[in-house]
């Protein structure tokens, strides 16, 4: 891959990261490193410096809540979960994603 392709992929991923976070947490609560691992395994690499501000923004918007839990391997972990407002936002994003995908598909046909 060349730098142009890497940049295009990076910009497109950044545009959907908040959606991806809600998708992950819709399945159940998670902590930051677990969320990053799920994103990486889905070929959506992310660094802490990108993830934490997104989690904070979504929490401040009322889309996520969190709780602290002691960890057997170090400091306590902050576990995030999706709120009802977050579920409503996810449903809107699902709908928008389907519309966008259909529009792009129609342009390619």
N, C-alpha and C. Protein backbone atom coordinates (compact mmCIF):
# COMPACT_ATOMS: atom_id res chain seq x y z
N UNK A 1 0.84 -1.18 0.00
CA UNK A 1 0.00 0.00 0.00
C UNK A 1 0.88 1.24 0.00
N UNK A 2 0.43 2.25 -0.67
CA UNK A 2 1.18 3.49 -0.67
C UNK A 2 0.59 4.46 0.35
N UNK A 3 1.26 5.58 0.54
CA UNK A 3 0.82 6.55 1.55
C UNK A 3 -0.56 7.12 1.25
N UNK A 4 -0.89 7.29 -0.04
CA UNK A 4 -2.22 7.82 -0.38
C UNK A 4 -3.29 6.83 0.06
N UNK A 5 -3.10 5.55 -0.24
CA UNK A 5 -4.08 4.53 0.17
C UNK A 5 -4.20 4.46 1.68
N UNK A 6 -3.06 4.52 2.39
CA UNK A 6 -3.09 4.51 3.84
C UNK A 6 -3.86 5.70 4.38
N UNK A 7 -3.66 6.88 3.80
CA UNK A 7 -4.34 8.08 4.26
C UNK A 7 -5.85 7.98 4.01
N UNK A 8 -6.24 7.48 2.85
CA UNK A 8 -7.66 7.33 2.54
C UNK A 8 -8.32 6.39 3.54
N UNK A 9 -7.69 5.25 3.77
CA UNK A 9 -8.24 4.29 4.73
C UNK A 9 -8.34 4.90 6.13
N UNK A 10 -7.29 5.59 6.53
CA UNK A 10 -7.26 6.21 7.86
C UNK A 10 -8.39 7.22 8.02
N UNK A 11 -8.60 8.06 7.04
CA UNK A 11 -9.65 9.07 7.12
C UNK A 11 -11.04 8.44 7.15
N UNK A 12 -11.22 7.40 6.36
CA UNK A 12 -12.53 6.73 6.35
C UNK A 12 -12.79 6.04 7.69
N UNK A 13 -11.76 5.42 8.27
CA UNK A 13 -11.92 4.77 9.57
C UNK A 13 -12.27 5.78 10.65
N UNK A 14 -11.58 6.93 10.64
CA UNK A 14 -11.86 7.95 11.66
C UNK A 14 -13.31 8.38 11.62
N UNK A 15 -13.89 8.39 10.44
CA UNK A 15 -15.27 8.81 10.29
C UNK A 15 -16.28 7.86 10.89
N UNK A 16 -15.89 6.62 11.12
CA UNK A 16 -16.85 5.63 11.65
C UNK A 16 -16.47 5.07 13.02
N UNK A 17 -15.42 5.59 13.63
CA UNK A 17 -14.98 5.03 14.92
C UNK A 17 -16.03 5.16 16.02
N UNK A 18 -16.72 6.28 16.10
CA UNK A 18 -17.74 6.44 17.14
C UNK A 18 -18.86 5.41 16.94
N UNK A 19 -19.20 5.16 15.69
CA UNK A 19 -20.21 4.15 15.35
C UNK A 19 -19.70 2.77 15.79
N UNK A 20 -18.44 2.48 15.50
CA UNK A 20 -17.86 1.18 15.85
C UNK A 20 -17.85 0.97 17.37
N UNK A 21 -17.52 2.01 18.12
CA UNK A 21 -17.51 1.90 19.58
C UNK A 21 -18.90 1.55 20.10
N UNK A 22 -19.92 2.22 19.59
CA UNK A 22 -21.29 1.91 20.01
C UNK A 22 -21.67 0.48 19.63
N UNK A 23 -21.23 0.03 18.45
CA UNK A 23 -21.51 -1.35 18.02
C UNK A 23 -20.90 -2.36 18.99
N UNK A 24 -19.65 -2.11 19.38
CA UNK A 24 -18.96 -3.02 20.30
C UNK A 24 -19.66 -3.04 21.65
N UNK A 25 -19.98 -1.87 22.19
CA UNK A 25 -20.57 -1.80 23.52
C UNK A 25 -22.04 -2.23 23.54
N UNK A 26 -22.66 -2.27 22.37
CA UNK A 26 -24.03 -2.78 22.28
C UNK A 26 -24.07 -4.26 22.67
N UNK A 27 -22.98 -4.96 22.44
CA UNK A 27 -22.89 -6.39 22.78
C UNK A 27 -22.65 -6.62 24.26
N UNK A 28 -22.16 -5.59 24.95
CA UNK A 28 -21.87 -5.72 26.38
C UNK A 28 -20.79 -4.74 26.77
N UNK A 29 -20.64 -4.51 28.07
CA UNK A 29 -19.68 -3.52 28.53
C UNK A 29 -18.26 -3.93 28.20
N UNK A 30 -17.38 -2.93 28.20
CA UNK A 30 -15.98 -3.21 27.89
C UNK A 30 -15.09 -2.09 28.41
N UNK A 31 -13.82 -2.40 28.53
CA UNK A 31 -12.84 -1.40 28.95
C UNK A 31 -11.98 -1.03 27.76
N UNK A 32 -11.24 0.06 27.86
CA UNK A 32 -10.57 0.64 26.71
C UNK A 32 -9.68 -0.34 25.96
N UNK A 33 -8.82 -1.07 26.65
CA UNK A 33 -7.92 -1.97 25.92
C UNK A 33 -8.69 -3.10 25.24
N UNK A 34 -9.79 -3.54 25.83
CA UNK A 34 -10.63 -4.56 25.19
C UNK A 34 -11.32 -4.01 23.94
N UNK A 35 -11.76 -2.76 24.02
CA UNK A 35 -12.37 -2.11 22.85
C UNK A 35 -11.35 -1.97 21.74
N UNK A 36 -10.12 -1.55 22.10
CA UNK A 36 -9.06 -1.42 21.09
C UNK A 36 -8.76 -2.77 20.45
N UNK A 37 -8.74 -3.83 21.22
CA UNK A 37 -8.45 -5.16 20.69
C UNK A 37 -9.55 -5.60 19.71
N UNK A 38 -10.80 -5.33 20.06
CA UNK A 38 -11.89 -5.70 19.15
C UNK A 38 -11.81 -4.90 17.85
N UNK A 39 -11.46 -3.64 17.95
CA UNK A 39 -11.30 -2.83 16.74
C UNK A 39 -10.15 -3.35 15.89
N UNK A 40 -9.04 -3.67 16.52
CA UNK A 40 -7.88 -4.20 15.78
C UNK A 40 -8.22 -5.52 15.11
N UNK A 41 -8.94 -6.39 15.82
CA UNK A 41 -9.28 -7.69 15.24
C UNK A 41 -10.24 -7.55 14.06
N UNK A 42 -10.95 -6.41 14.01
CA UNK A 42 -11.84 -6.13 12.88
C UNK A 42 -11.13 -5.30 11.81
N UNK A 43 -9.79 -5.22 11.92
CA UNK A 43 -8.97 -4.45 10.98
C UNK A 43 -9.30 -2.95 11.02
N UNK A 44 -9.59 -2.46 12.22
CA UNK A 44 -9.84 -1.04 12.46
C UNK A 44 -8.86 -0.57 13.54
N UNK A 45 -7.57 -0.52 13.19
CA UNK A 45 -6.57 -0.18 14.21
C UNK A 45 -6.80 1.21 14.80
N UNK A 46 -6.52 1.33 16.09
CA UNK A 46 -6.73 2.58 16.81
C UNK A 46 -5.70 2.65 17.93
N UNK A 47 -5.32 3.85 18.30
CA UNK A 47 -4.38 4.05 19.40
C UNK A 47 -5.12 4.69 20.57
N UNK A 48 -4.54 4.56 21.76
CA UNK A 48 -5.18 5.11 22.97
C UNK A 48 -5.46 6.59 22.83
N UNK A 49 -4.54 7.32 22.21
CA UNK A 49 -4.69 8.76 22.07
C UNK A 49 -5.89 9.15 21.21
N UNK A 50 -6.40 8.22 20.43
CA UNK A 50 -7.61 8.44 19.64
C UNK A 50 -8.84 7.93 20.38
N UNK A 51 -8.70 6.77 21.01
CA UNK A 51 -9.85 6.14 21.65
C UNK A 51 -10.36 6.91 22.87
N UNK A 52 -9.48 7.29 23.77
CA UNK A 52 -9.93 7.93 25.01
C UNK A 52 -10.74 9.20 24.78
N UNK A 53 -10.31 10.10 23.90
CA UNK A 53 -11.15 11.28 23.65
C UNK A 53 -12.54 10.93 23.09
N UNK A 54 -12.61 9.89 22.27
CA UNK A 54 -13.91 9.46 21.74
C UNK A 54 -14.80 8.93 22.86
N UNK A 55 -14.23 8.12 23.75
CA UNK A 55 -15.00 7.58 24.87
C UNK A 55 -15.49 8.71 25.78
N UNK A 56 -14.62 9.67 26.05
CA UNK A 56 -15.01 10.80 26.90
C UNK A 56 -16.12 11.61 26.24
N UNK A 57 -15.98 11.87 24.93
CA UNK A 57 -17.01 12.63 24.22
C UNK A 57 -18.35 11.89 24.25
N UNK A 58 -18.32 10.59 23.99
CA UNK A 58 -19.57 9.83 23.99
C UNK A 58 -20.17 9.76 25.40
N UNK A 59 -19.34 9.69 26.42
CA UNK A 59 -19.83 9.70 27.79
C UNK A 59 -20.46 11.06 28.10
N UNK A 60 -19.79 12.14 27.70
CA UNK A 60 -20.31 13.49 27.95
C UNK A 60 -21.60 13.76 27.19
N UNK A 61 -21.79 13.09 26.07
CA UNK A 61 -23.03 13.23 25.29
C UNK A 61 -24.15 12.35 25.84
N UNK A 62 -23.84 11.56 26.85
CA UNK A 62 -24.85 10.68 27.45
C UNK A 62 -25.04 9.38 26.70
N UNK A 63 -24.14 9.06 25.76
CA UNK A 63 -24.26 7.84 24.98
C UNK A 63 -23.68 6.63 25.71
N UNK A 64 -22.72 6.90 26.60
CA UNK A 64 -22.06 5.86 27.38
C UNK A 64 -22.08 6.21 28.85
N UNK A 65 -22.00 5.20 29.68
CA UNK A 65 -21.77 5.38 31.11
C UNK A 65 -20.59 4.47 31.45
N UNK A 66 -20.07 4.60 32.66
CA UNK A 66 -18.98 3.72 33.06
C UNK A 66 -19.04 3.42 34.54
N UNK A 67 -18.33 2.38 34.90
CA UNK A 67 -18.17 1.99 36.30
C UNK A 67 -16.73 1.52 36.48
N UNK A 68 -16.22 1.66 37.69
CA UNK A 68 -14.87 1.19 38.01
C UNK A 68 -14.94 -0.21 38.58
N UNK A 69 -13.94 -1.03 38.20
CA UNK A 69 -13.85 -2.38 38.76
C UNK A 69 -12.39 -2.68 39.06
N UNK A 70 -12.15 -3.26 40.22
CA UNK A 70 -10.79 -3.65 40.57
C UNK A 70 -10.29 -4.68 39.56
N UNK A 71 -9.00 -4.59 39.25
CA UNK A 71 -8.39 -5.52 38.30
C UNK A 71 -7.38 -6.38 39.04
N UNK A 72 -7.37 -7.68 38.78
CA UNK A 72 -6.37 -8.55 39.41
C UNK A 72 -4.96 -8.28 38.86
N UNK A 73 -4.88 -7.54 37.77
CA UNK A 73 -3.60 -7.30 37.10
C UNK A 73 -3.29 -5.81 37.01
N UNK A 74 -3.31 -5.11 38.13
CA UNK A 74 -2.95 -3.70 38.08
C UNK A 74 -4.04 -2.80 38.61
N UNK A 75 -4.07 -1.57 38.09
CA UNK A 75 -5.02 -0.58 38.61
C UNK A 75 -6.47 -0.93 38.23
N UNK A 76 -7.43 -0.29 38.91
CA UNK A 76 -8.84 -0.53 38.55
C UNK A 76 -9.10 -0.18 37.09
N UNK A 77 -10.08 -0.85 36.52
CA UNK A 77 -10.45 -0.60 35.13
C UNK A 77 -11.78 0.13 35.07
N UNK A 78 -11.88 1.00 34.07
CA UNK A 78 -13.12 1.71 33.82
C UNK A 78 -13.87 0.93 32.74
N UNK A 79 -15.01 0.36 33.11
CA UNK A 79 -15.83 -0.39 32.16
C UNK A 79 -16.93 0.51 31.63
N UNK A 80 -17.00 0.60 30.31
CA UNK A 80 -17.99 1.43 29.63
C UNK A 80 -19.17 0.56 29.21
N UNK A 81 -20.36 1.17 29.23
CA UNK A 81 -21.55 0.51 28.70
C UNK A 81 -22.39 1.54 27.97
N UNK A 82 -23.19 1.05 27.05
CA UNK A 82 -24.04 1.93 26.24
C UNK A 82 -25.30 2.27 27.03
N UNK A 83 -25.74 3.49 26.94
CA UNK A 83 -26.96 3.94 27.61
C UNK A 83 -28.15 3.81 26.66
N UNK A 84 -29.33 4.10 27.16
CA UNK A 84 -30.51 4.10 26.28
C UNK A 84 -30.35 5.16 25.18
N UNK A 85 -29.82 6.31 25.55
CA UNK A 85 -29.57 7.35 24.55
C UNK A 85 -28.56 6.85 23.52
N UNK A 86 -27.56 6.09 23.98
CA UNK A 86 -26.57 5.52 23.07
C UNK A 86 -27.19 4.50 22.13
N UNK A 87 -28.13 3.70 22.66
CA UNK A 87 -28.83 2.72 21.81
C UNK A 87 -29.66 3.42 20.73
N UNK A 88 -30.29 4.52 21.11
CA UNK A 88 -31.06 5.29 20.12
C UNK A 88 -30.12 5.88 19.06
N UNK A 89 -28.98 6.39 19.51
CA UNK A 89 -27.99 6.93 18.57
C UNK A 89 -27.48 5.83 17.64
N UNK A 90 -27.22 4.65 18.19
CA UNK A 90 -26.76 3.52 17.38
C UNK A 90 -27.80 3.15 16.34
N UNK A 91 -29.07 3.16 16.70
CA UNK A 91 -30.12 2.85 15.73
C UNK A 91 -30.14 3.88 14.61
N UNK A 92 -29.96 5.16 14.95
CA UNK A 92 -29.89 6.21 13.92
C UNK A 92 -28.67 6.01 13.03
N UNK A 93 -27.54 5.65 13.64
CA UNK A 93 -26.33 5.42 12.86
C UNK A 93 -26.48 4.21 11.95
N UNK A 94 -27.15 3.15 12.44
CA UNK A 94 -27.41 1.97 11.61
C UNK A 94 -28.20 2.38 10.36
N UNK A 95 -29.23 3.17 10.57
CA UNK A 95 -30.07 3.62 9.48
C UNK A 95 -29.26 4.48 8.49
N UNK A 96 -28.49 5.42 9.02
CA UNK A 96 -27.67 6.28 8.16
C UNK A 96 -26.65 5.46 7.38
N UNK A 97 -26.05 4.46 8.04
CA UNK A 97 -25.06 3.61 7.38
C UNK A 97 -25.70 2.87 6.21
N UNK A 98 -26.90 2.34 6.42
CA UNK A 98 -27.59 1.63 5.34
C UNK A 98 -27.89 2.56 4.17
N UNK A 99 -28.32 3.78 4.47
CA UNK A 99 -28.59 4.75 3.41
C UNK A 99 -27.33 5.11 2.63
N UNK A 100 -26.25 5.33 3.35
CA UNK A 100 -24.97 5.67 2.70
C UNK A 100 -24.47 4.52 1.84
N UNK A 101 -24.52 3.31 2.41
CA UNK A 101 -24.06 2.13 1.65
C UNK A 101 -24.90 1.93 0.39
N UNK A 102 -26.21 2.13 0.50
CA UNK A 102 -27.09 1.99 -0.68
C UNK A 102 -26.78 3.06 -1.71
N UNK A 103 -26.54 4.30 -1.26
CA UNK A 103 -26.23 5.38 -2.20
C UNK A 103 -24.93 5.09 -2.94
N UNK A 104 -23.91 4.67 -2.21
CA UNK A 104 -22.62 4.35 -2.85
C UNK A 104 -22.78 3.19 -3.81
N UNK A 105 -23.52 2.18 -3.40
CA UNK A 105 -23.75 1.02 -4.27
C UNK A 105 -24.46 1.42 -5.55
N UNK A 106 -25.43 2.34 -5.45
CA UNK A 106 -26.16 2.76 -6.64
C UNK A 106 -25.26 3.56 -7.58
N UNK A 107 -24.28 4.25 -7.03
CA UNK A 107 -23.35 5.01 -7.86
C UNK A 107 -22.38 4.11 -8.62
N UNK A 108 -22.12 2.94 -8.06
CA UNK A 108 -21.18 2.00 -8.69
C UNK A 108 -21.84 1.15 -9.76
N UNK A 109 -23.15 1.02 -9.70
CA UNK A 109 -23.87 0.16 -10.66
C UNK A 109 -23.97 0.80 -12.03
